């Protein structure tokens, strides 16, 4: 009874095992647990009493038989073999078997512990294939790839890195990355490498490296820490050669400086010439009793000189708006409209043209986010109404309405002139850009107006005064954001976003650009940003512990070192969700 009970307990125990367990006596299976039956997809009655060899794949059966024969003819007690078994579904599985001598009911037997290795081997094969693909990509990538130790030693390098630095791959290995840094005093390479080795994520940071020939090469660096068990063990360092782009940028900057020089000379000298001509024409007009035809030509000459002066001024404004537009502030469009109307009237002799303006705008009713160039937009539109109207008395209707859904003010300026054909409505604003996109015309007024409106995050377009009939006059429409008053933060701080910088910190300006770009893309007003230059003696840092630069504080959240755009956006989203957010 005890023996039977012990036997039952033994079989119950092996049936709970997760590995397959098989007992073979005289070549036949006498015991097979549930795990093994599931492994080969057989029922127990299909296995028990049948030769074990029917389960062996003929291609690997000899491995098992050799191990069994060796154990039977020697004192060897156990062996480990890897073979393939044939399941009931005729599929092959790879197994690892521990074969041990045993006794079953007093007779010699073999105990097999069977572990299915199929999935593990598939994973190993997949990992090997993945590593092979990664190595192929690593070696063939046109971007220089380096793997660095925490100390900066190069442990891996691809062919692109060898070409970039002028060394063979073998020569690069075991060299320190700092040996390739530029010697230029203004280069930020040392700080970039230090930030990368500290485990910071860098994205497209520009620096210079020095190749074997001693030449500096501009690269755009991206780096990521490589971790193991939560610890940074190495750094992936990628460098794309941007020397050609930098050369093109330098040439473009030289051309811009040359253009600005020519513009300054043209603005100053040609305006002086224009003033001299206008002065002479004025003397002629007042001093002599000219025939009507001569007086008409004189007036036309004055108009053309003023037009030339305006073209010069428009060129200057185009460059200003493109490169360094004024900061937006709350502006009353009514005041600029009145100034523009008066300037247009002064540009035309009363006997030549008379301007009548019907306007529903009033002083102090609207405030928009704009700058002084908004007056230029109004002037150019109304001046065109005067220029192209066939009537001596030119009537212009000006209306304004708020568009709440867009938080913008729409101002429409309508005339009763010849209008603008549909085919020209889109192109009247294009006198710059690619030649095929330009329209031939007189002056730059509407091109400048379009640039100004885009710099204000607004729009300008042309319509028919009478819908569907352009011959009844034109309707020029502009939309411009209304000014949004910003509440003072309830916490009492000067601003929600605080940025510390120093002229000695090479990462500060790039990080500040990241902050401004993120704020602009999220619609966060720049007035919520306070910049503290620690080099400025007027900046009071009393009570403030000097942070690691660059440093940005968004409400109660802090970031230091190279500012990551995605991390910053996440913090800014949290700021916008706070009930005290004043934006």
Protein backbone atom coordinates (compact mmCIF):
# COMPACT_ATOMS: atom_id res chain seq x y z
CA UNK A 1 0.00 0.00 0.00
CA UNK A 2 2.78 2.36 0.94
CA UNK A 3 4.69 1.37 -2.18
CA UNK A 4 1.64 2.01 -4.38
CA UNK A 5 1.02 5.32 -2.64
CA UNK A 6 4.63 6.31 -3.16
CA UNK A 7 4.37 5.34 -6.82
CA UNK A 8 1.26 7.45 -7.30
CA UNK A 9 2.91 10.40 -5.60
CA UNK A 10 5.97 10.10 -7.88
CA UNK A 11 3.88 10.12 -11.07
CA UNK A 12 1.77 12.99 -9.79
CA UNK A 13 4.94 14.91 -9.08
CA UNK A 14 6.50 14.47 -12.52
CA UNK A 15 3.15 15.28 -14.15
CA UNK A 16 3.38 18.75 -12.60
CA UNK A 17 6.77 19.42 -14.17
CA UNK A 18 6.88 22.12 -16.87
CA UNK A 19 9.58 20.24 -18.80
CA UNK A 20 8.73 17.01 -20.57
CA UNK A 21 9.54 13.85 -18.60
CA UNK A 22 9.78 10.41 -20.29
CA UNK A 23 10.84 7.02 -18.92
CA UNK A 24 12.04 4.39 -21.44
CA UNK A 25 12.36 0.69 -20.59
CA UNK A 26 13.48 -1.88 -23.16
CA UNK A 27 13.24 0.83 -25.85
CA UNK A 28 9.55 1.61 -25.21
CA UNK A 29 7.91 4.54 -23.48
CA UNK A 30 6.50 3.52 -20.09
CA UNK A 31 5.99 7.00 -18.58
CA UNK A 32 5.24 10.34 -20.25
CA UNK A 33 4.03 13.42 -18.40
CA UNK A 34 1.46 15.94 -19.61
CA UNK A 35 4.06 18.54 -20.65
CA UNK A 36 5.74 16.07 -22.99
CA UNK A 37 2.41 14.95 -24.46
CA UNK A 38 1.53 18.56 -25.24
CA UNK A 39 4.97 19.04 -26.74
CA UNK A 40 4.52 16.24 -29.31
CA UNK A 41 0.71 16.60 -29.60
CA UNK A 42 0.03 12.93 -28.80
CA UNK A 43 -2.49 11.31 -26.45
CA UNK A 44 -1.06 9.20 -23.63
CA UNK A 45 -2.37 5.94 -25.12
CA UNK A 46 -0.64 6.77 -28.42
CA UNK A 47 2.74 6.90 -26.65
CA UNK A 48 2.77 4.46 -23.77
CA UNK A 49 4.06 1.00 -24.80
CA UNK A 50 5.36 2.23 -28.16
CA UNK A 51 9.04 2.50 -29.15
CA UNK A 52 10.52 5.91 -28.42
CA UNK A 53 12.29 5.81 -31.80
CA UNK A 54 9.02 6.60 -33.62
CA UNK A 55 9.29 10.11 -32.18
CA UNK A 56 12.86 10.69 -33.33
CA UNK A 57 13.59 12.59 -36.55
CA UNK A 58 15.69 10.26 -38.74
CA UNK A 59 18.18 13.04 -39.32
CA UNK A 60 19.11 13.34 -35.63
CA UNK A 61 18.12 9.90 -34.27
CA UNK A 62 21.72 8.72 -34.40
CA UNK A 63 22.72 11.36 -31.83
CA UNK A 64 20.30 9.91 -29.27
CA UNK A 65 21.25 6.30 -30.05
CA UNK A 66 24.98 7.06 -29.74
CA UNK A 67 24.47 8.64 -26.31
CA UNK A 68 22.33 5.67 -25.17
CA UNK A 69 24.87 3.11 -26.44
CA UNK A 70 27.71 4.99 -24.76
CA UNK A 71 25.89 5.00 -21.43
CA UNK A 72 25.03 1.29 -21.68
CA UNK A 73 28.65 0.30 -22.41
CA UNK A 74 30.32 2.52 -19.82
CA UNK A 75 29.95 3.90 -16.35
CA UNK A 76 28.64 7.21 -17.73
CA UNK A 77 25.46 8.03 -15.78
CA UNK A 78 24.03 10.87 -17.88
CA UNK A 79 24.39 12.75 -21.13
CA UNK A 80 22.89 15.82 -22.76
CA UNK A 81 21.87 15.75 -26.43
CA UNK A 82 20.04 18.03 -28.83
CA UNK A 83 17.78 16.26 -31.31
CA UNK A 84 14.60 16.82 -33.28
CA UNK A 85 11.29 15.12 -32.51
CA UNK A 86 8.43 14.47 -34.92
CA UNK A 87 5.04 15.57 -33.56
CA UNK A 88 1.75 13.92 -34.37
CA UNK A 89 1.14 16.76 -36.85
CA UNK A 90 4.40 15.72 -38.60
CA UNK A 91 6.14 18.96 -37.69
CA UNK A 92 9.66 19.02 -36.27
CA UNK A 93 10.60 20.50 -32.91
CA UNK A 94 14.14 20.93 -31.62
CA UNK A 95 14.58 19.66 -28.07
CA UNK A 96 17.40 19.42 -25.58
CA UNK A 97 17.31 16.14 -23.59
CA UNK A 98 19.04 15.20 -20.39
CA UNK A 99 19.38 11.39 -20.58
CA UNK A 100 20.05 9.65 -17.23
CA UNK A 101 20.22 6.05 -16.08
CA UNK A 102 17.29 5.12 -13.88
CA UNK A 103 15.28 2.19 -12.50
CA UNK A 104 11.62 1.53 -13.24
CA UNK A 105 9.85 -1.18 -11.31
CA UNK A 106 13.18 -2.78 -10.50
CA UNK A 107 14.37 -2.85 -14.10
CA UNK A 108 17.03 -0.62 -15.75
CA UNK A 109 15.55 2.31 -17.66
CA UNK A 110 16.36 5.71 -19.05
CA UNK A 111 14.93 8.93 -17.64
CA UNK A 112 14.60 11.75 -20.19
CA UNK A 113 14.12 15.40 -19.21
CA UNK A 114 12.99 17.10 -22.45
CA UNK A 115 12.96 20.87 -23.05
CA UNK A 116 11.50 22.38 -26.23
CA UNK A 117 14.18 24.65 -27.71
CA UNK A 118 12.27 25.62 -30.88
CA UNK A 119 11.09 29.07 -29.74
CA UNK A 120 14.40 29.88 -28.08
CA UNK A 121 16.31 28.95 -31.23
CA UNK A 122 13.92 31.02 -33.35
CA UNK A 123 14.53 33.98 -31.09
CA UNK A 124 18.29 33.43 -31.32
CA UNK A 125 18.07 33.25 -35.11
CA UNK A 126 15.92 36.40 -35.20
CA UNK A 127 18.39 38.18 -32.92
CA UNK A 128 21.31 37.09 -35.08
CA UNK A 129 19.48 38.26 -38.22
CA UNK A 130 18.63 41.57 -36.53
CA UNK A 131 22.25 42.04 -35.48
CA UNK A 132 23.37 41.25 -39.02
CA UNK A 133 20.92 43.78 -40.47
CA UNK A 134 22.01 46.41 -37.93
CA UNK A 135 25.66 45.75 -38.74
CA UNK A 136 24.92 46.04 -42.46
CA UNK A 137 23.10 49.33 -41.90
CA UNK A 138 25.82 50.52 -39.53
CA UNK A 139 28.59 49.72 -42.00
CA UNK A 140 26.81 51.03 -45.12
CA UNK A 141 25.27 54.18 -43.60
CA UNK A 142 26.40 57.43 -45.28
CA UNK A 143 26.31 59.06 -41.82
CA UNK A 144 29.30 58.62 -39.53
CA UNK A 145 28.43 56.30 -36.64
CA UNK A 146 30.59 55.91 -33.56
CA UNK A 147 30.03 54.00 -30.35
CA UNK A 148 31.81 55.64 -27.43
CA UNK A 149 32.64 54.40 -23.97
CA UNK A 150 31.70 56.62 -21.03
CA UNK A 151 35.26 57.92 -21.12
CA UNK A 152 34.97 58.86 -24.81
CA UNK A 153 36.97 55.98 -26.27
CA UNK A 154 35.79 54.88 -29.73
CA UNK A 155 34.77 51.20 -29.54
CA UNK A 156 32.93 50.98 -32.87
CA UNK A 157 33.15 52.99 -36.10
CA UNK A 158 31.73 52.60 -39.59
CA UNK A 159 33.25 53.39 -42.97
CA UNK A 160 31.50 56.78 -43.13
CA UNK A 161 33.24 57.79 -39.91
CA UNK A 162 36.55 56.68 -41.37
CA UNK A 163 35.97 58.79 -44.51
CA UNK A 164 34.87 61.80 -42.46
CA UNK A 165 37.92 61.78 -40.20
CA UNK A 166 40.45 60.49 -42.74
CA UNK A 167 41.50 57.36 -40.80
CA UNK A 168 40.88 53.66 -41.31
CA UNK A 169 38.30 52.01 -39.08
CA UNK A 170 41.03 50.11 -37.21
CA UNK A 171 42.95 53.34 -36.60
CA UNK A 172 39.85 54.98 -35.11
CA UNK A 173 39.26 52.25 -32.56
CA UNK A 174 40.61 52.92 -29.07
CA UNK A 175 41.21 56.59 -29.88
CA UNK A 176 39.39 59.17 -27.78
CA UNK A 177 36.75 61.32 -29.48
CA UNK A 178 38.28 64.46 -27.94
CA UNK A 179 41.34 64.01 -30.16
CA UNK A 180 39.18 64.98 -33.14
CA UNK A 181 37.81 68.24 -31.72
CA UNK A 182 38.43 71.50 -33.54
CA UNK A 183 41.03 73.86 -32.12
CA UNK A 184 38.89 76.91 -32.96
CA UNK A 185 38.30 78.98 -29.82
CA UNK A 186 34.64 79.60 -30.64
CA UNK A 187 33.71 75.98 -31.35
CA UNK A 188 31.31 74.22 -29.01
CA UNK A 189 32.67 70.71 -29.68
CA UNK A 190 34.06 70.21 -26.17
CA UNK A 191 30.70 71.01 -24.57
CA UNK A 192 28.83 68.85 -27.11
CA UNK A 193 31.04 65.82 -26.43
CA UNK A 194 30.86 66.36 -22.68
CA UNK A 195 27.05 66.56 -22.81
CA UNK A 196 26.90 63.38 -24.90
CA UNK A 197 29.21 61.43 -22.57
CA UNK A 198 27.08 62.52 -19.60
CA UNK A 199 24.17 60.67 -21.19
CA UNK A 200 22.24 63.62 -22.61
CA UNK A 201 20.18 63.15 -25.76
CA UNK A 202 21.47 65.51 -28.46
CA UNK A 203 19.59 66.23 -31.69
CA UNK A 204 21.27 67.90 -34.66
CA UNK A 205 23.74 70.00 -32.67
CA UNK A 206 26.27 71.62 -34.97
CA UNK A 207 30.00 71.59 -34.22
CA UNK A 208 33.33 71.14 -35.97
CA UNK A 209 35.68 68.14 -35.96
CA UNK A 210 39.26 68.04 -37.18
CA UNK A 211 40.23 65.35 -39.71
CA UNK A 212 43.60 63.69 -40.26
CA UNK A 213 44.69 66.50 -42.62
CA UNK A 214 44.12 69.10 -39.90
CA UNK A 215 41.05 70.56 -41.62
CA UNK A 216 37.92 71.51 -39.70
CA UNK A 217 34.74 69.80 -40.92
CA UNK A 218 31.26 70.98 -39.92
CA UNK A 219 29.01 68.16 -38.66
CA UNK A 220 25.50 67.87 -37.24
CA UNK A 221 25.66 65.62 -34.17
CA UNK A 222 22.94 63.38 -32.76
CA UNK A 223 23.71 61.20 -29.74
CA UNK A 224 21.82 58.78 -27.51
CA UNK A 225 22.88 56.97 -24.34
CA UNK A 226 23.06 53.17 -24.55
CA UNK A 227 21.77 51.65 -21.32
CA UNK A 228 22.05 48.28 -19.65
CA UNK A 229 20.00 47.49 -16.55
CA UNK A 230 19.09 51.16 -16.30
CA UNK A 231 22.73 52.34 -16.40
CA UNK A 232 24.40 54.24 -19.22
CA UNK A 233 27.20 51.98 -20.47
CA UNK A 234 28.04 53.62 -23.80
CA UNK A 235 27.00 56.42 -26.17
CA UNK A 236 25.79 56.24 -29.77
CA UNK A 237 27.36 59.23 -31.56
CA UNK A 238 26.28 60.11 -35.12
CA UNK A 239 27.77 62.92 -37.19
CA UNK A 240 26.43 64.07 -40.56
CA UNK A 241 28.78 66.12 -42.74
CA UNK A 242 27.18 69.56 -43.30
CA UNK A 243 30.25 71.33 -44.69
CA UNK A 244 28.59 72.07 -48.04
CA UNK A 245 25.53 73.51 -46.35
CA UNK A 246 27.70 75.67 -44.10
CA UNK A 247 29.65 76.90 -47.13
CA UNK A 248 26.37 77.74 -48.90
CA UNK A 249 25.12 79.55 -45.79
CA UNK A 250 28.34 81.55 -45.58
CA UNK A 251 28.03 82.52 -49.24
CA UNK A 252 24.37 83.45 -48.75
CA UNK A 253 25.31 85.59 -45.74
CA UNK A 254 27.99 87.32 -47.79
CA UNK A 255 25.46 88.00 -50.54
CA UNK A 256 22.94 89.35 -48.03
CA UNK A 257 25.55 91.67 -46.56
CA UNK A 258 26.50 92.82 -50.07
CA UNK A 259 22.82 93.38 -50.95
CA UNK A 260 22.30 95.35 -47.75
CA UNK A 261 25.34 97.46 -48.57
CA UNK A 262 24.00 98.19 -52.06
CA UNK A 263 20.59 98.93 -50.60
CA UNK A 264 22.00 101.35 -48.06
CA UNK A 265 23.97 103.12 -50.76
CA UNK A 266 20.96 103.17 -53.07
CA UNK A 267 18.61 104.35 -50.33
CA UNK A 268 20.89 107.16 -49.23
CA UNK A 269 22.33 108.33 -52.53
CA UNK A 270 19.29 107.87 -54.76
CA UNK A 271 17.04 109.53 -52.21
CA UNK A 272 19.40 112.49 -52.22
CA UNK A 273 19.17 112.58 -56.02
CA UNK A 274 15.37 112.34 -55.84
CA UNK A 275 15.18 115.19 -53.34
CA UNK A 276 17.35 117.37 -55.59
CA UNK A 277 15.14 116.62 -58.59
CA UNK A 278 11.96 117.30 -56.59
CA UNK A 279 13.43 120.60 -55.37
CA UNK A 280 14.30 121.64 -58.94
CA UNK A 281 10.88 120.64 -60.24
CA UNK A 282 9.23 122.61 -57.46
CA UNK A 283 11.22 125.72 -58.39
CA UNK A 284 10.26 125.30 -62.04
CA UNK A 285 6.59 124.96 -61.13
CA UNK A 286 6.57 128.10 -58.96
CA UNK A 287 8.98 130.34 -60.89
CA UNK A 288 7.73 130.07 -64.43
CA UNK A 289 4.38 130.48 -66.12
CA UNK A 290 4.42 127.17 -67.96
CA UNK A 291 2.07 126.11 -70.76
CA UNK A 292 -0.55 123.53 -69.72
CA UNK A 293 1.19 120.67 -71.49
CA UNK A 294 4.54 121.50 -69.89
CA UNK A 295 2.87 121.82 -66.48
CA UNK A 296 1.20 118.43 -67.01
CA UNK A 297 4.57 116.84 -67.81
CA UNK A 298 6.07 118.55 -64.78
CA UNK A 299 3.39 117.11 -62.45
CA UNK A 300 3.83 113.66 -64.02
CA UNK A 301 7.60 113.88 -63.49
CA UNK A 302 7.06 114.74 -59.82
CA UNK A 303 4.76 111.74 -59.46
CA UNK A 304 7.33 109.40 -61.06
CA UNK A 305 10.13 110.71 -58.83
CA UNK A 306 7.97 110.08 -55.77
CA UNK A 307 7.19 106.60 -57.10
CA UNK A 308 10.92 105.87 -57.51
CA UNK A 309 11.53 107.00 -53.93
CA UNK A 310 8.72 104.74 -52.76
CA UNK A 311 10.21 101.72 -54.61
CA UNK A 312 13.53 102.33 -52.86
CA UNK A 313 11.77 102.57 -49.51
CA UNK A 314 9.78 99.40 -50.26
CA UNK A 315 13.01 97.49 -50.98
CA UNK A 316 14.39 98.60 -47.64
CA UNK A 317 11.19 97.56 -45.86
CA UNK A 318 11.15 94.13 -47.59
CA UNK A 319 14.62 93.33 -46.23
CA UNK A 320 13.71 94.67 -42.78
CA UNK A 321 10.49 92.65 -42.57
CA UNK A 322 12.22 89.52 -43.87
CA UNK A 323 15.31 89.61 -41.66
CA UNK A 324 14.43 91.62 -38.53
CA UNK A 325 10.75 92.55 -38.29
CA UNK A 326 9.73 94.92 -35.47
CA UNK A 327 8.16 93.41 -32.34
CA UNK A 328 4.37 93.33 -32.37
CA UNK A 329 2.54 95.58 -29.94
CA UNK A 330 -1.05 96.74 -29.42
CA UNK A 331 -1.92 99.04 -32.31
CA UNK A 332 -5.04 101.04 -33.16
CA UNK A 333 -5.59 100.38 -36.91
CA UNK A 334 -7.77 103.52 -37.19
CA UNK A 335 -4.78 105.78 -36.49
CA UNK A 336 -2.62 104.03 -39.12
CA UNK A 337 -5.48 104.15 -41.61
CA UNK A 338 -5.85 107.94 -41.17
CA UNK A 339 -2.08 108.42 -41.60
CA UNK A 340 -2.10 106.28 -44.77
CA UNK A 341 -5.06 108.21 -46.24
CA UNK A 342 -3.34 111.55 -45.59
CA UNK A 343 -0.07 110.29 -47.15
CA UNK A 344 -1.93 109.16 -50.28
CA UNK A 345 -3.65 112.53 -50.63
CA UNK A 346 -0.30 114.30 -50.39
CA UNK A 347 1.06 112.12 -53.17
CA UNK A 348 -1.51 113.37 -55.69
CA UNK A 349 -2.16 116.94 -56.74
CA UNK A 350 -5.75 117.99 -55.86
CA UNK A 351 -6.42 119.01 -59.45
CA UNK A 352 -5.26 115.57 -60.62
CA UNK A 353 -7.09 113.22 -58.26
CA UNK A 354 -9.39 113.66 -55.27
CA UNK A 355 -9.76 110.91 -52.65
CA UNK A 356 -13.05 110.34 -50.80
CA UNK A 357 -13.01 107.69 -48.04
CA UNK A 358 -16.12 106.23 -46.39
CA UNK A 359 -15.04 104.41 -43.20
CA UNK A 360 -16.88 102.70 -40.35
CA UNK A 361 -13.75 102.39 -38.16
CA UNK A 362 -13.51 104.73 -35.19
CA UNK A 363 -10.69 105.80 -32.94
CA UNK A 364 -9.96 103.46 -30.01
CA UNK A 365 -12.45 100.72 -30.94
CA UNK A 366 -10.03 98.04 -32.18
CA UNK A 367 -6.58 96.90 -31.09
CA UNK A 368 -4.52 94.54 -33.20
CA UNK A 369 -1.14 92.84 -32.76
CA UNK A 370 0.97 94.76 -35.29
CA UNK A 371 3.80 97.23 -35.79
CA UNK A 372 4.48 100.42 -37.74
CA UNK A 373 4.53 98.67 -41.12
CA UNK A 374 0.75 98.14 -40.96
CA UNK A 375 0.49 101.75 -42.15
CA UNK A 376 2.44 100.72 -45.27
CA UNK A 377 -0.14 98.04 -46.05
CA UNK A 378 -3.00 100.55 -45.87
CA UNK A 379 -1.02 103.09 -47.92
CA UNK A 380 -0.16 100.65 -50.71
CA UNK A 381 -3.74 99.43 -51.11
CA UNK A 382 -5.32 102.91 -51.15
CA UNK A 383 -2.54 104.29 -53.36
CA UNK A 384 -3.29 101.55 -55.92
CA UNK A 385 -6.96 102.56 -55.82
CA UNK A 386 -5.91 106.07 -56.79
CA UNK A 387 -3.36 104.96 -59.38
CA UNK A 388 -5.64 102.68 -61.39
CA UNK A 389 -8.97 104.46 -61.06
CA UNK A 390 -10.26 106.11 -64.28
CA UNK A 391 -12.14 108.71 -62.24
CA UNK A 392 -10.83 112.04 -61.01
CA UNK A 393 -12.74 111.63 -57.76
CA UNK A 394 -11.78 108.26 -56.30
CA UNK A 395 -14.16 106.78 -53.74
CA UNK A 396 -12.87 104.15 -51.32
CA UNK A 397 -15.01 102.28 -48.74
CA UNK A 398 -13.26 100.98 -45.62
CA UNK A 399 -15.04 98.58 -43.26
CA UNK A 400 -13.89 96.52 -40.29
CA UNK A 401 -15.38 93.60 -38.37
CA UNK A 402 -14.11 91.19 -35.73
CA UNK A 403 -13.91 87.45 -36.59
CA UNK A 404 -14.32 85.86 -33.11
CA UNK A 405 -13.56 82.29 -34.25
CA UNK A 406 -10.13 83.39 -35.53
CA UNK A 407 -9.53 86.09 -32.89
CA UNK A 408 -8.79 88.44 -35.76
CA UNK A 409 -9.93 91.74 -37.24
CA UNK A 410 -10.99 91.82 -40.90
CA UNK A 411 -10.52 95.11 -42.74
CA UNK A 412 -11.92 95.44 -46.26
CA UNK A 413 -10.91 98.27 -48.64
CA UNK A 414 -13.19 98.58 -51.70
CA UNK A 415 -12.86 100.80 -54.76
CA UNK A 416 -14.90 101.49 -57.90
CA UNK A 417 -12.08 101.16 -60.42
CA UNK A 418 -11.43 98.64 -63.22
CA UNK A 419 -11.01 95.75 -60.76
CA UNK A 420 -8.67 92.76 -60.88
CA UNK A 421 -9.30 89.79 -63.24
CA UNK A 422 -9.59 86.39 -61.55
CA UNK A 423 -6.45 85.19 -63.32
CA UNK A 424 -4.41 87.93 -61.62
CA UNK A 425 -5.84 87.91 -58.10
CA UNK A 426 -3.30 85.43 -56.76
CA UNK A 427 -0.27 86.80 -58.60
CA UNK A 428 -0.50 90.54 -57.86
CA UNK A 429 1.30 89.89 -54.58
CA UNK A 430 4.29 88.14 -56.22
CA UNK A 431 7.28 90.14 -57.32
CA UNK A 432 9.85 88.04 -55.43
CA UNK A 433 10.74 84.33 -55.29
CA UNK A 434 11.24 82.07 -58.31
CA UNK A 435 11.00 83.83 -61.71
CA UNK A 436 8.15 81.61 -62.89
CA UNK A 437 6.09 82.64 -59.83
CA UNK A 438 6.60 86.38 -60.36
CA UNK A 439 4.24 88.77 -62.07
CA UNK A 440 5.48 91.64 -64.16
CA UNK A 441 4.14 94.94 -62.92
CA UNK A 442 4.97 98.33 -61.49
CA UNK A 443 6.38 98.62 -58.01
CA UNK A 444 6.63 96.35 -55.01
CA UNK A 445 3.74 97.66 -52.92
CA UNK A 446 1.51 94.60 -52.82
CA UNK A 447 4.47 92.21 -52.53
CA UNK A 448 5.63 94.17 -49.50
CA UNK A 449 2.07 94.23 -48.11
CA UNK A 450 1.88 90.43 -48.36
CA UNK A 451 5.23 90.03 -46.58
CA UNK A 452 4.14 92.41 -43.81
CA UNK A 453 0.86 90.57 -43.24
CA UNK A 454 2.62 87.21 -43.08
CA UNK A 455 5.11 88.64 -40.55
CA UNK A 456 2.07 89.61 -38.44
CA UNK A 457 0.58 86.08 -38.76
CA UNK A 458 -2.16 87.67 -40.86
CA UNK A 459 -3.40 87.40 -44.45
CA UNK A 460 -4.19 89.62 -47.42
CA UNK A 461 -6.13 88.71 -50.54
CA UNK A 462 -8.12 90.24 -53.41
CA UNK A 463 -11.81 89.83 -54.21
CA UNK A 464 -14.41 91.44 -56.47
CA UNK A 465 -16.37 94.34 -54.94
CA UNK A 466 -19.43 92.88 -56.68
CA UNK A 467 -19.12 89.14 -56.47
CA UNK A 468 -18.61 87.56 -59.90
CA UNK A 469 -18.02 90.85 -61.75
CA UNK A 470 -14.46 92.12 -61.41
CA UNK A 471 -15.17 95.14 -63.64
CA UNK A 472 -17.21 96.74 -60.83
CA UNK A 473 -14.12 97.32 -58.68
CA UNK A 474 -11.76 95.49 -56.35
CA UNK A 475 -12.09 94.50 -52.70
CA UNK A 476 -8.80 94.05 -50.82
CA UNK A 477 -9.20 92.14 -47.56
CA UNK A 478 -6.73 91.82 -44.72
CA UNK A 479 -7.07 89.78 -41.55
CA UNK A 480 -4.85 90.50 -38.61
CA UNK A 481 -4.80 88.99 -35.10
CA UNK A 482 -6.43 91.10 -32.40
CA UNK A 483 -4.26 91.99 -29.43
CA UNK A 484 -4.60 89.58 -26.49
CA UNK A 485 -4.03 91.15 -23.09
CA UNK A 486 -1.92 88.96 -20.82
CA UNK A 487 -2.84 88.61 -17.17
CA UNK A 488 -0.13 88.94 -14.54
CA UNK A 489 0.72 85.48 -13.12
CA UNK A 490 -1.08 84.89 -9.84
CA UNK A 491 2.08 83.46 -8.27
CA UNK A 492 3.64 86.93 -8.32
CA UNK A 493 6.57 85.93 -10.56
CA UNK A 494 7.59 88.29 -13.32
CA UNK A 495 6.97 85.59 -15.95
CA UNK A 496 5.83 81.98 -16.21
CA UNK A 497 8.98 80.98 -18.13
CA UNK A 498 12.43 82.00 -16.90
CA UNK A 499 15.58 81.45 -18.98
CA UNK A 500 19.14 81.98 -17.68
CA UNK A 501 21.91 82.56 -20.19
CA UNK A 502 25.49 83.75 -20.45
CA UNK A 503 27.70 84.81 -23.34
CA UNK A 504 30.23 82.23 -22.09
CA UNK A 505 27.71 79.39 -22.54
CA UNK A 506 27.84 78.05 -26.11
CA UNK A 507 24.62 76.05 -25.61
CA UNK A 508 22.56 78.99 -24.35
CA UNK A 509 21.63 80.57 -27.69
CA UNK A 510 20.66 77.24 -29.38
CA UNK A 511 18.61 76.32 -26.29
CA UNK A 512 16.92 79.74 -26.26
CA UNK A 513 15.97 79.21 -29.91
CA UNK A 514 14.40 75.86 -28.92
CA UNK A 515 12.39 77.60 -26.17
CA UNK A 516 11.17 80.33 -28.52
CA UNK A 517 10.30 77.85 -31.28
CA UNK A 518 8.30 75.68 -28.87
CA UNK A 519 6.45 78.72 -27.49
CA UNK A 520 5.67 79.99 -31.00
CA UNK A 521 4.40 76.60 -32.20
CA UNK A 522 2.16 76.29 -29.13
CA UNK A 523 0.85 79.86 -29.33
CA UNK A 524 2.37 80.91 -26.00
CA UNK A 525 2.99 84.69 -25.95
CA UNK A 526 6.66 85.68 -25.70
CA UNK A 527 5.77 88.19 -22.99
CA UNK A 528 5.53 85.18 -20.65
CA UNK A 529 9.27 84.58 -21.17
CA UNK A 530 11.82 86.38 -19.01
CA UNK A 531 15.49 86.13 -20.04
CA UNK A 532 18.17 86.72 -17.40
CA UNK A 533 21.71 87.32 -18.64
CA UNK A 534 23.94 86.50 -15.68
CA UNK A 535 26.74 88.55 -17.27
CA UNK A 536 24.62 91.71 -17.04
CA UNK A 537 25.62 93.64 -13.88
CA UNK A 538 22.11 95.09 -13.70
CA UNK A 539 20.56 91.63 -13.27
CA UNK A 540 19.82 91.00 -9.60
CA UNK A 541 20.76 87.43 -8.70
CA UNK A 542 20.58 87.93 -4.95
CA UNK A 543 18.85 85.03 -3.29
CA UNK A 544 19.22 82.94 -6.44
CA UNK A 545 21.60 79.99 -6.53
CA UNK A 546 23.39 80.09 -9.89
CA UNK A 547 22.03 77.19 -11.98
CA UNK A 548 23.85 75.02 -14.50
CA UNK A 549 23.51 76.82 -17.86
CA UNK A 550 21.55 76.80 -20.03
CA UNK A 551 18.64 76.70 -17.59
CA UNK A 552 14.90 77.16 -18.08
CA UNK A 553 12.20 77.16 -15.42
CA UNK A 554 8.59 76.70 -16.53
CA UNK A 555 6.42 77.42 -13.50
CA UNK A 556 7.72 74.82 -10.99
CA UNK A 557 9.46 72.58 -13.55
CA UNK A 558 13.17 72.95 -14.33
CA UNK A 559 15.44 71.93 -17.19
CA UNK A 560 19.18 72.48 -17.49
CA UNK A 561 21.85 71.65 -20.02
CA UNK A 562 20.89 71.20 -23.67
CA UNK A 563 17.14 71.77 -23.86
CA UNK A 564 15.26 68.91 -25.54
CA UNK A 565 12.34 70.15 -27.66
CA UNK A 566 9.97 67.25 -26.92
CA UNK A 567 10.60 67.38 -23.16
CA UNK A 568 10.05 71.15 -23.17
CA UNK A 569 6.76 70.83 -25.09
CA UNK A 570 5.53 68.35 -22.48
CA UNK A 571 6.28 70.84 -19.70
CA UNK A 572 4.65 73.71 -21.63
CA UNK A 573 1.49 71.64 -22.13
CA UNK A 574 1.32 71.18 -18.35
CA UNK A 575 1.72 74.95 -17.95
CA UNK A 576 -1.17 75.67 -20.32
CA UNK A 577 -3.44 73.30 -18.40
CA UNK A 578 -2.92 75.09 -15.09
CA UNK A 579 -5.86 77.28 -13.97
CA UNK A 580 -3.47 80.13 -13.19
CA UNK A 581 -2.00 80.18 -16.72
CA UNK A 582 -2.35 83.80 -17.88
CA UNK A 583 -2.11 83.23 -21.63
